[in-house]
Amino acid sequence: MNKLLSCRYNMDANRVEARFKDGTTLAIDCIAVEDEYGNTPAQRAELDWLLYNKPLEYAQMVLGGEIEHYLSLSCDHGRLEEQ
């Protein structure tokens, strides 16, 4: 994947807009991500927190296929305690 330089959350469009080193841009539909991975209120809250506070990390996890694993670690505390 090309190097991700910057991201910003566009509240009006509910998208994370990413810019890559080669000049390409990409918009991530946050509603689609939330519908796919936000199965619990805690997961939806975590996705919202990421959007507002760490859009670059949000984009990296979505594009890298790591968002589901991240949410399982940060939002499913019962699952962590069982391990």
PDB file of N, CA and C in Angstrom:
ATOM      1  N   MET A   1       0.853  -1.179   0.000  1.00  0.00           N
ATOM      2  CA  MET A   1       0.000   0.000   0.000  1.00  0.00           C
ATOM      3  C   MET A   1       0.897   1.239   0.000  1.00  0.00           C
ATOM      4  N   ASN A   2       0.490   2.236  -0.697  1.00  0.00           N
ATOM      5  CA  ASN A   2       1.192   3.497  -0.759  1.00  0.00           C
ATOM      6  C   ASN A   2       1.161   4.177   0.604  1.00  0.00           C
ATOM      7  N   LYS A   3       2.166   4.966   0.917  1.00  0.00           N
ATOM      8  CA  LYS A   3       2.256   5.615   2.220  1.00  0.00           C
ATOM      9  C   LYS A   3       1.130   6.629   2.427  1.00  0.00           C
ATOM     10  N   LEU A   4       0.435   6.466   3.543  1.00  0.00           N
ATOM     11  CA  LEU A   4      -0.662   7.351   3.931  1.00  0.00           C
ATOM     12  C   LEU A   4      -0.064   8.572   4.616  1.00  0.00           C
ATOM     13  N   LEU A   5      -0.286   9.755   4.053  1.00  0.00           N
ATOM     14  CA  LEU A   5       0.303  10.976   4.595  1.00  0.00           C
ATOM     15  C   LEU A   5      -0.584  11.666   5.617  1.00  0.00           C
ATOM     16  N   SER A   6      -1.860  11.817   5.288  1.00  0.00           N
ATOM     17  CA  SER A   6      -2.739  12.565   6.185  1.00  0.00           C
ATOM     18  C   SER A   6      -4.179  12.108   6.031  1.00  0.00           C
ATOM     19  N   CYS A   7      -4.931  12.381   7.067  1.00  0.00           N
ATOM     20  CA  CYS A   7      -6.363  12.075   7.064  1.00  0.00           C
ATOM     21  C   CYS A   7      -7.091  13.151   7.832  1.00  0.00           C
ATOM     22  N   ARG A   8      -8.333  13.333   7.481  1.00  0.00           N
ATOM     23  CA  ARG A   8      -9.196  14.208   8.267  1.00  0.00           C
ATOM     24  C   ARG A   8     -10.602  13.664   8.199  1.00  0.00           C
ATOM     25  N   TYR A   9     -11.329  13.849   9.277  1.00  0.00           N
ATOM     26  CA  TYR A   9     -12.707  13.408   9.317  1.00  0.00           C
ATOM     27  C   TYR A   9     -13.580  14.540   8.814  1.00  0.00           C
ATOM     28  N   ASN A  10     -14.370  14.277   7.783  1.00  0.00           N
ATOM     29  CA  ASN A  10     -15.316  15.239   7.235  1.00  0.00           C
ATOM     30  C   ASN A  10     -16.680  14.925   7.835  1.00  0.00           C
ATOM     31  N   MET A  11     -17.058  15.695   8.837  1.00  0.00           N
ATOM     32  CA  MET A  11     -18.300  15.456   9.558  1.00  0.00           C
ATOM     33  C   MET A  11     -19.528  15.624   8.659  1.00  0.00           C
ATOM     34  N   ASP A  12     -19.471  16.555   7.723  1.00  0.00           N
ATOM     35  CA  ASP A  12     -20.615  16.807   6.851  1.00  0.00           C
ATOM     36  C   ASP A  12     -20.929  15.613   5.953  1.00  0.00           C
ATOM     37  N   ALA A  13     -19.896  14.918   5.491  1.00  0.00           N
ATOM     38  CA  ALA A  13     -20.078  13.768   4.606  1.00  0.00           C
ATOM     39  C   ALA A  13     -19.971  12.443   5.349  1.00  0.00           C
ATOM     40  N   ASN A  14     -19.584  12.487   6.621  1.00  0.00           N
ATOM     41  CA  ASN A  14     -19.339  11.306   7.450  1.00  0.00           C
ATOM     42  C   ASN A  14     -18.352  10.366   6.752  1.00  0.00           C
ATOM     43  N   ARG A  15     -17.224  10.956   6.371  1.00  0.00           N
ATOM     44  CA  ARG A  15     -16.164  10.206   5.697  1.00  0.00           C
ATOM     45  C   ARG A  15     -14.808  10.628   6.243  1.00  0.00           C
ATOM     46  N   VAL A  16     -13.880   9.685   6.249  1.00  0.00           N
ATOM     47  CA  VAL A  16     -12.482  10.001   6.515  1.00  0.00           C
ATOM     48  C   VAL A  16     -11.829  10.163   5.156  1.00  0.00           C
ATOM     49  N   GLU A  17     -11.228  11.314   4.939  1.00  0.00           N
ATOM     50  CA  GLU A  17     -10.584  11.615   3.673  1.00  0.00           C
ATOM     51  C   GLU A  17      -9.081  11.441   3.851  1.00  0.00           C
ATOM     52  N   ALA A  18      -8.511  10.519   3.094  1.00  0.00           N
ATOM     53  CA  ALA A  18      -7.104  10.168   3.219  1.00  0.00           C
ATOM     54  C   ALA A  18      -6.332  10.640   1.993  1.00  0.00           C
ATOM     55  N   ARG A  19      -5.106  11.088   2.230  1.00  0.00           N
ATOM     56  CA  ARG A  19      -4.213  11.507   1.151  1.00  0.00           C
ATOM     57  C   ARG A  19      -2.932  10.691   1.233  1.00  0.00           C
ATOM     58  N   PHE A  20      -2.517  10.157   0.096  1.00  0.00           N
ATOM     59  CA  PHE A  20      -1.343   9.302   0.024  1.00  0.00           C
ATOM     60  C   PHE A  20      -0.153  10.037  -0.588  1.00  0.00           C
ATOM     61  N   LYS A  21       1.026   9.480  -0.394  1.00  0.00           N
ATOM     62  CA  LYS A  21       2.273  10.091  -0.849  1.00  0.00           C
ATOM     63  C   LYS A  21       2.282  10.363  -2.355  1.00  0.00           C
ATOM     64  N   ASP A  22       1.672   9.469  -3.125  1.00  0.00           N
ATOM     65  CA  ASP A  22       1.672   9.656  -4.583  1.00  0.00           C
ATOM     66  C   ASP A  22       0.624  10.657  -5.070  1.00  0.00           C
ATOM     67  N   GLY A  23      -0.103  11.284  -4.142  1.00  0.00           N
ATOM     68  CA  GLY A  23      -1.096  12.302  -4.498  1.00  0.00           C
ATOM     69  C   GLY A  23      -2.516  11.787  -4.605  1.00  0.00           C
ATOM     70  N   THR A  24      -2.710  10.489  -4.561  1.00  0.00           N
ATOM     71  CA  THR A  24      -4.071   9.967  -4.631  1.00  0.00           C
ATOM     72  C   THR A  24      -4.807  10.248  -3.326  1.00  0.00           C
ATOM     73  N   THR A  25      -6.112  10.320  -3.443  1.00  0.00           N
ATOM     74  CA  THR A  25      -6.964  10.525  -2.281  1.00  0.00           C
ATOM     75  C   THR A  25      -8.018   9.428  -2.239  1.00  0.00           C
ATOM     76  N   LEU A  26      -8.526   9.203  -1.046  1.00  0.00           N
ATOM     77  CA  LEU A  26      -9.517   8.161  -0.829  1.00  0.00           C
ATOM     78  C   LEU A  26     -10.466   8.626   0.261  1.00  0.00           C
ATOM     79  N   ALA A  27     -11.745   8.368   0.095  1.00  0.00           N
ATOM     80  CA  ALA A  27     -12.733   8.685   1.121  1.00  0.00           C
ATOM     81  C   ALA A  27     -13.302   7.378   1.665  1.00  0.00           C
ATOM     82  N   ILE A  28     -13.230   7.217   2.983  1.00  0.00           N
ATOM     83  CA  ILE A  28     -13.752   6.020   3.641  1.00  0.00           C
ATOM     84  C   ILE A  28     -15.134   6.354   4.191  1.00  0.00           C
ATOM     85  N   ASP A  29     -16.128   5.609   3.765  1.00  0.00           N
ATOM     86  CA  ASP A  29     -17.505   5.797   4.214  1.00  0.00           C
ATOM     87  C   ASP A  29     -17.649   5.245   5.636  1.00  0.00           C
ATOM     88  N   CYS A  30     -17.747   6.125   6.605  1.00  0.00           N
ATOM     89  CA  CYS A  30     -17.777   5.715   8.015  1.00  0.00           C
ATOM     90  C   CYS A  30     -19.075   4.997   8.383  1.00  0.00           C
ATOM     91  N   ILE A  31     -20.160   5.301   7.712  1.00  0.00           N
ATOM     92  CA  ILE A  31     -21.422   4.595   7.971  1.00  0.00           C
ATOM     93  C   ILE A  31     -21.277   3.135   7.574  1.00  0.00           C
ATOM     94  N   ALA A  32     -20.650   2.882   6.440  1.00  0.00           N
ATOM     95  CA  ALA A  32     -20.449   1.502   5.993  1.00  0.00           C
ATOM     96  C   ALA A  32     -19.554   0.741   6.963  1.00  0.00           C
ATOM     97  N   VAL A  33     -18.508   1.378   7.459  1.00  0.00           N
ATOM     98  CA  VAL A  33     -17.611   0.727   8.420  1.00  0.00           C
ATOM     99  C   VAL A  33     -18.369   0.426   9.704  1.00  0.00           C
ATOM    100  N   GLU A  34     -19.135   1.390  10.182  1.00  0.00           N
ATOM    101  CA  GLU A  34     -19.903   1.185  11.410  1.00  0.00           C
ATOM    102  C   GLU A  34     -20.942   0.087  11.237  1.00  0.00           C
ATOM    103  N   ASP A  35     -21.600   0.047  10.096  1.00  0.00           N
ATOM    104  CA  ASP A  35     -22.588  -1.009   9.837  1.00  0.00           C
ATOM    105  C   ASP A  35     -21.941  -2.391   9.797  1.00  0.00           C
ATOM    106  N   GLU A  36     -20.715  -2.460   9.289  1.00  0.00           N
ATOM    107  CA  GLU A  36     -20.023  -3.734   9.163  1.00  0.00           C
ATOM    108  C   GLU A  36     -19.417  -4.209  10.482  1.00  0.00           C
ATOM    109  N   TYR A  37     -18.824  -3.280  11.244  1.00  0.00           N
ATOM    110  CA  TYR A  37     -18.041  -3.687  12.411  1.00  0.00           C
ATOM    111  C   TYR A  37     -18.589  -3.226  13.753  1.00  0.00           C
ATOM    112  N   GLY A  38     -19.485  -2.262  13.763  1.00  0.00           N
ATOM    113  CA  GLY A  38     -20.011  -1.736  15.020  1.00  0.00           C
ATOM    114  C   GLY A  38     -21.201  -2.530  15.515  1.00  0.00           C
ATOM    115  N   ASN A  39     -20.932  -3.732  16.013  1.00  0.00           N
ATOM    116  CA  ASN A  39     -22.006  -4.630  16.421  1.00  0.00           C
ATOM    117  C   ASN A  39     -22.573  -4.328  17.803  1.00  0.00           C
ATOM    118  N   THR A  40     -21.834  -3.618  18.621  1.00  0.00           N
ATOM    119  CA  THR A  40     -22.292  -3.290  19.970  1.00  0.00           C
ATOM    120  C   THR A  40     -22.197  -1.779  20.173  1.00  0.00           C
ATOM    121  N   PRO A  41     -22.897  -1.253  21.163  1.00  0.00           N
ATOM    122  CA  PRO A  41     -22.762   0.186  21.449  1.00  0.00           C
ATOM    123  C   PRO A  41     -21.319   0.577  21.783  1.00  0.00           C
ATOM    124  N   ALA A  42     -20.594  -0.287  22.470  1.00  0.00           N
ATOM    125  CA  ALA A  42     -19.197   0.012  22.809  1.00  0.00           C
ATOM    126  C   ALA A  42     -18.338   0.103  21.544  1.00  0.00           C
ATOM    127  N   GLN A  43     -18.564  -0.781  20.593  1.00  0.00           N
ATOM    128  CA  GLN A  43     -17.796  -0.748  19.346  1.00  0.00           C
ATOM    129  C   GLN A  43     -18.122   0.507  18.545  1.00  0.00           C
ATOM    130  N   ARG A  44     -19.388   0.876  18.502  1.00  0.00           N
ATOM    131  CA  ARG A  44     -19.775   2.094  17.780  1.00  0.00           C
ATOM    132  C   ARG A  44     -19.173   3.327  18.444  1.00  0.00           C
ATOM    133  N   ALA A  45     -19.155   3.338  19.770  1.00  0.00           N
ATOM    134  CA  ALA A  45     -18.555   4.459  20.489  1.00  0.00           C
ATOM    135  C   ALA A  45     -17.051   4.535  20.216  1.00  0.00           C
ATOM    136  N   GLU A  46     -16.386   3.398  20.168  1.00  0.00           N
ATOM    137  CA  GLU A  46     -14.954   3.374  19.887  1.00  0.00           C
ATOM    138  C   GLU A  46     -14.677   3.864  18.473  1.00  0.00           C
ATOM    139  N   LEU A  47     -15.493   3.458  17.514  1.00  0.00           N
ATOM    140  CA  LEU A  47     -15.323   3.946  16.141  1.00  0.00           C
ATOM    141  C   LEU A  47     -15.496   5.457  16.085  1.00  0.00           C
ATOM    142  N   ASP A  48     -16.492   5.985  16.781  1.00  0.00           N
ATOM    143  CA  ASP A  48     -16.705   7.431  16.823  1.00  0.00           C
ATOM    144  C   ASP A  48     -15.519   8.150  17.455  1.00  0.00           C
ATOM    145  N   TRP A  49     -14.996   7.579  18.549  1.00  0.00           N
ATOM    146  CA  TRP A  49     -13.854   8.198  19.211  1.00  0.00           C
ATOM    147  C   TRP A  49     -12.655   8.260  18.257  1.00  0.00           C
ATOM    148  N   LEU A  50     -12.413   7.178  17.551  1.00  0.00           N
ATOM    149  CA  LEU A  50     -11.312   7.157  16.586  1.00  0.00           C
ATOM    150  C   LEU A  50     -11.494   8.214  15.500  1.00  0.00           C
ATOM    151  N   LEU A  51     -12.710   8.334  14.998  1.00  0.00           N
ATOM    152  CA  LEU A  51     -12.977   9.318  13.947  1.00  0.00           C
ATOM    153  C   LEU A  51     -12.615  10.722  14.380  1.00  0.00           C
ATOM    154  N   TYR A  52     -13.028  11.096  15.569  1.00  0.00           N
ATOM    155  CA  TYR A  52     -12.815  12.455  16.057  1.00  0.00           C
ATOM    156  C   TYR A  52     -11.392  12.700  16.543  1.00  0.00           C
ATOM    157  N   ASN A  53     -10.752  11.696  17.099  1.00  0.00           N
ATOM    158  CA  ASN A  53      -9.464  11.889  17.750  1.00  0.00           C
ATOM    159  C   ASN A  53      -8.259  11.348  16.994  1.00  0.00           C
ATOM    160  N   LYS A  54      -8.447  10.281  16.214  1.00  0.00           N
ATOM    161  CA  LYS A  54      -7.316   9.657  15.513  1.00  0.00           C
ATOM    162  C   LYS A  54      -7.737   9.172  14.122  1.00  0.00           C
ATOM    163  N   PRO A  55      -8.114  10.103  13.244  1.00  0.00           N
ATOM    164  CA  PRO A  55      -8.569   9.669  11.914  1.00  0.00           C
ATOM    165  C   PRO A  55      -7.496   8.952  11.104  1.00  0.00           C
ATOM    166  N   LEU A  56      -6.225   9.296  11.303  1.00  0.00           N
ATOM    167  CA  LEU A  56      -5.158   8.613  10.572  1.00  0.00           C
ATOM    168  C   LEU A  56      -5.083   7.145  10.976  1.00  0.00           C
ATOM    169  N   GLU A  57      -5.128   6.880  12.281  1.00  0.00           N
ATOM    170  CA  GLU A  57      -5.089   5.503  12.762  1.00  0.00           C
ATOM    171  C   GLU A  57      -6.334   4.732  12.325  1.00  0.00           C
ATOM    172  N   TYR A  58      -7.470   5.407  12.332  1.00  0.00           N
ATOM    173  CA  TYR A  58      -8.726   4.807  11.866  1.00  0.00           C
ATOM    174  C   TYR A  58      -8.555   4.338  10.425  1.00  0.00           C
ATOM    175  N   ALA A  59      -8.069   5.240   9.573  1.00  0.00           N
ATOM    176  CA  ALA A  59      -7.887   4.904   8.157  1.00  0.00           C
ATOM    177  C   ALA A  59      -6.891   3.767   7.985  1.00  0.00           C
ATOM    178  N   GLN A  60      -5.787   3.802   8.712  1.00  0.00           N
ATOM    179  CA  GLN A  60      -4.786   2.745   8.599  1.00  0.00           C
ATOM    180  C   GLN A  60      -5.375   1.391   8.977  1.00  0.00           C
ATOM    181  N   MET A  61      -6.180   1.352  10.036  1.00  0.00           N
ATOM    182  CA  MET A  61      -6.768   0.076  10.461  1.00  0.00           C
ATOM    183  C   MET A  61      -7.820  -0.419   9.478  1.00  0.00           C
ATOM    184  N   VAL A  62      -8.640   0.490   8.956  1.00  0.00           N
ATOM    185  CA  VAL A  62      -9.661   0.086   7.985  1.00  0.00           C
ATOM    186  C   VAL A  62      -8.996  -0.426   6.715  1.00  0.00           C
ATOM    187  N   LEU A  63      -8.050   0.318   6.202  1.00  0.00           N
ATOM    188  CA  LEU A  63      -7.395  -0.064   4.953  1.00  0.00           C
ATOM    189  C   LEU A  63      -6.520  -1.304   5.112  1.00  0.00           C
ATOM    190  N   GLY A  64      -5.975  -1.506   6.304  1.00  0.00           N
ATOM    191  CA  GLY A  64      -5.131  -2.659   6.557  1.00  0.00           C
ATOM    192  C   GLY A  64      -5.894  -3.893   7.015  1.00  0.00           C
ATOM    193  N   GLY A  65      -7.216  -3.777   7.141  1.00  0.00           N
ATOM    194  CA  GLY A  65      -8.030  -4.912   7.565  1.00  0.00           C
ATOM    195  C   GLY A  65      -7.885  -5.246   9.039  1.00  0.00           C
ATOM    196  N   GLU A  66      -7.487  -4.277   9.858  1.00  0.00           N
ATOM    197  CA  GLU A  66      -7.235  -4.516  11.270  1.00  0.00           C
ATOM    198  C   GLU A  66      -8.336  -3.996  12.195  1.00  0.00           C
ATOM    199  N   ILE A  67      -9.351  -3.356  11.658  1.00  0.00           N
ATOM    200  CA  ILE A  67     -10.352  -2.708  12.509  1.00  0.00           C
ATOM    201  C   ILE A  67     -11.135  -3.714  13.339  1.00  0.00           C
ATOM    202  N   GLU A  68     -11.473  -4.853  12.772  1.00  0.00           N
ATOM    203  CA  GLU A  68     -12.232  -5.856  13.522  1.00  0.00           C
ATOM    204  C   GLU A  68     -11.414  -6.375  14.708  1.00  0.00           C
ATOM    205  N   HIS A  69     -10.149  -6.637  14.486  1.00  0.00           N
ATOM    206  CA  HIS A  69      -9.276  -7.114  15.570  1.00  0.00           C
ATOM    207  C   HIS A  69      -9.137  -6.035  16.646  1.00  0.00           C
ATOM    208  N   TYR A  70      -8.934  -4.793  16.239  1.00  0.00           N
ATOM    209  CA  TYR A  70      -8.819  -3.680  17.185  1.00  0.00           C
ATOM    210  C   TYR A  70     -10.074  -3.570  18.050  1.00  0.00           C
ATOM    211  N   LEU A  71     -11.234  -3.626  17.426  1.00  0.00           N
ATOM    212  CA  LEU A  71     -12.481  -3.513  18.182  1.00  0.00           C
ATOM    213  C   LEU A  71     -12.667  -4.682  19.135  1.00  0.00           C
ATOM    214  N   SER A  72     -12.240  -5.865  18.742  1.00  0.00           N
ATOM    215  CA  SER A  72     -12.375  -7.013  19.638  1.00  0.00           C
ATOM    216  C   SER A  72     -11.495  -6.846  20.864  1.00  0.00           C
ATOM    217  N   LEU A  73     -10.354  -6.210  20.719  1.00  0.00           N
ATOM    218  CA  LEU A  73      -9.450  -5.999  21.848  1.00  0.00           C
ATOM    219  C   LEU A  73      -9.895  -4.858  22.749  1.00  0.00           C
ATOM    220  N   SER A  74     -10.387  -3.791  22.149  1.00  0.00           N
ATOM    221  CA  SER A  74     -10.697  -2.609  22.945  1.00  0.00           C
ATOM    222  C   SER A  74     -12.124  -2.577  23.467  1.00  0.00           C
ATOM    223  N   CYS A  75     -13.022  -3.349  22.886  1.00  0.00           N
ATOM    224  CA  CYS A  75     -14.430  -3.243  23.255  1.00  0.00           C
ATOM    225  C   CYS A  75     -15.033  -4.498  23.851  1.00  0.00           C
ATOM    226  N   ASP A  76     -14.380  -5.609  23.701  1.00  0.00           N
ATOM    227  CA  ASP A  76     -14.950  -6.863  24.193  1.00  0.00           C
ATOM    228  C   ASP A  76     -14.140  -7.335  25.395  1.00  0.00           C
ATOM    229  N   HIS A  77     -14.290  -6.621  26.516  1.00  0.00           N
ATOM    230  CA  HIS A  77     -13.466  -6.879  27.685  1.00  0.00           C
ATOM    231  C   HIS A  77     -13.692  -8.267  28.255  1.00  0.00           C
ATOM    232  N   GLY A  78     -14.878  -8.796  28.160  1.00  0.00           N
ATOM    233  CA  GLY A  78     -15.132 -10.138  28.631  1.00  0.00           C
ATOM    234  C   GLY A  78     -14.319 -11.149  27.867  1.00  0.00           C
ATOM    235  N   ARG A  79     -14.172 -10.937  26.585  1.00  0.00           N
ATOM    236  CA  ARG A  79     -13.389 -11.853  25.739  1.00  0.00           C
ATOM    237  C   ARG A  79     -11.915 -11.835  26.163  1.00  0.00           C
ATOM    238  N   LEU A  80     -11.384 -10.670  26.502  1.00  0.00           N
ATOM    239  CA  LEU A  80      -9.998 -10.578  26.916  1.00  0.00           C
ATOM    240  C   LEU A  80      -9.756 -11.307  28.240  1.00  0.00           C
ATOM    241  N   GLU A  81     -10.708 -11.206  29.158  1.00  0.00           N
ATOM    242  CA  GLU A  81     -10.553 -11.830  30.456  1.00  0.00           C
ATOM    243  C   GLU A  81     -10.581 -13.357  30.362  1.00  0.00           C
ATOM    244  N   GLU A  82     -11.280 -13.891  29.359  1.00  0.00           N
ATOM    245  CA  GLU A  82     -11.379 -15.337  29.193  1.00  0.00           C
ATOM    246  C   GLU A  82     -10.079 -15.939  28.695  1.00  0.00           C
ATOM    247  N   GLN A  83      -9.233 -15.176  28.035  1.00  0.00           N
ATOM    248  CA  GLN A  83      -8.008 -15.698  27.425  1.00  0.00           C
ATOM    249  C   GLN A  83      -6.957 -16.025  28.443  1.00  0.00           C
TER     250      GLN A  83
END
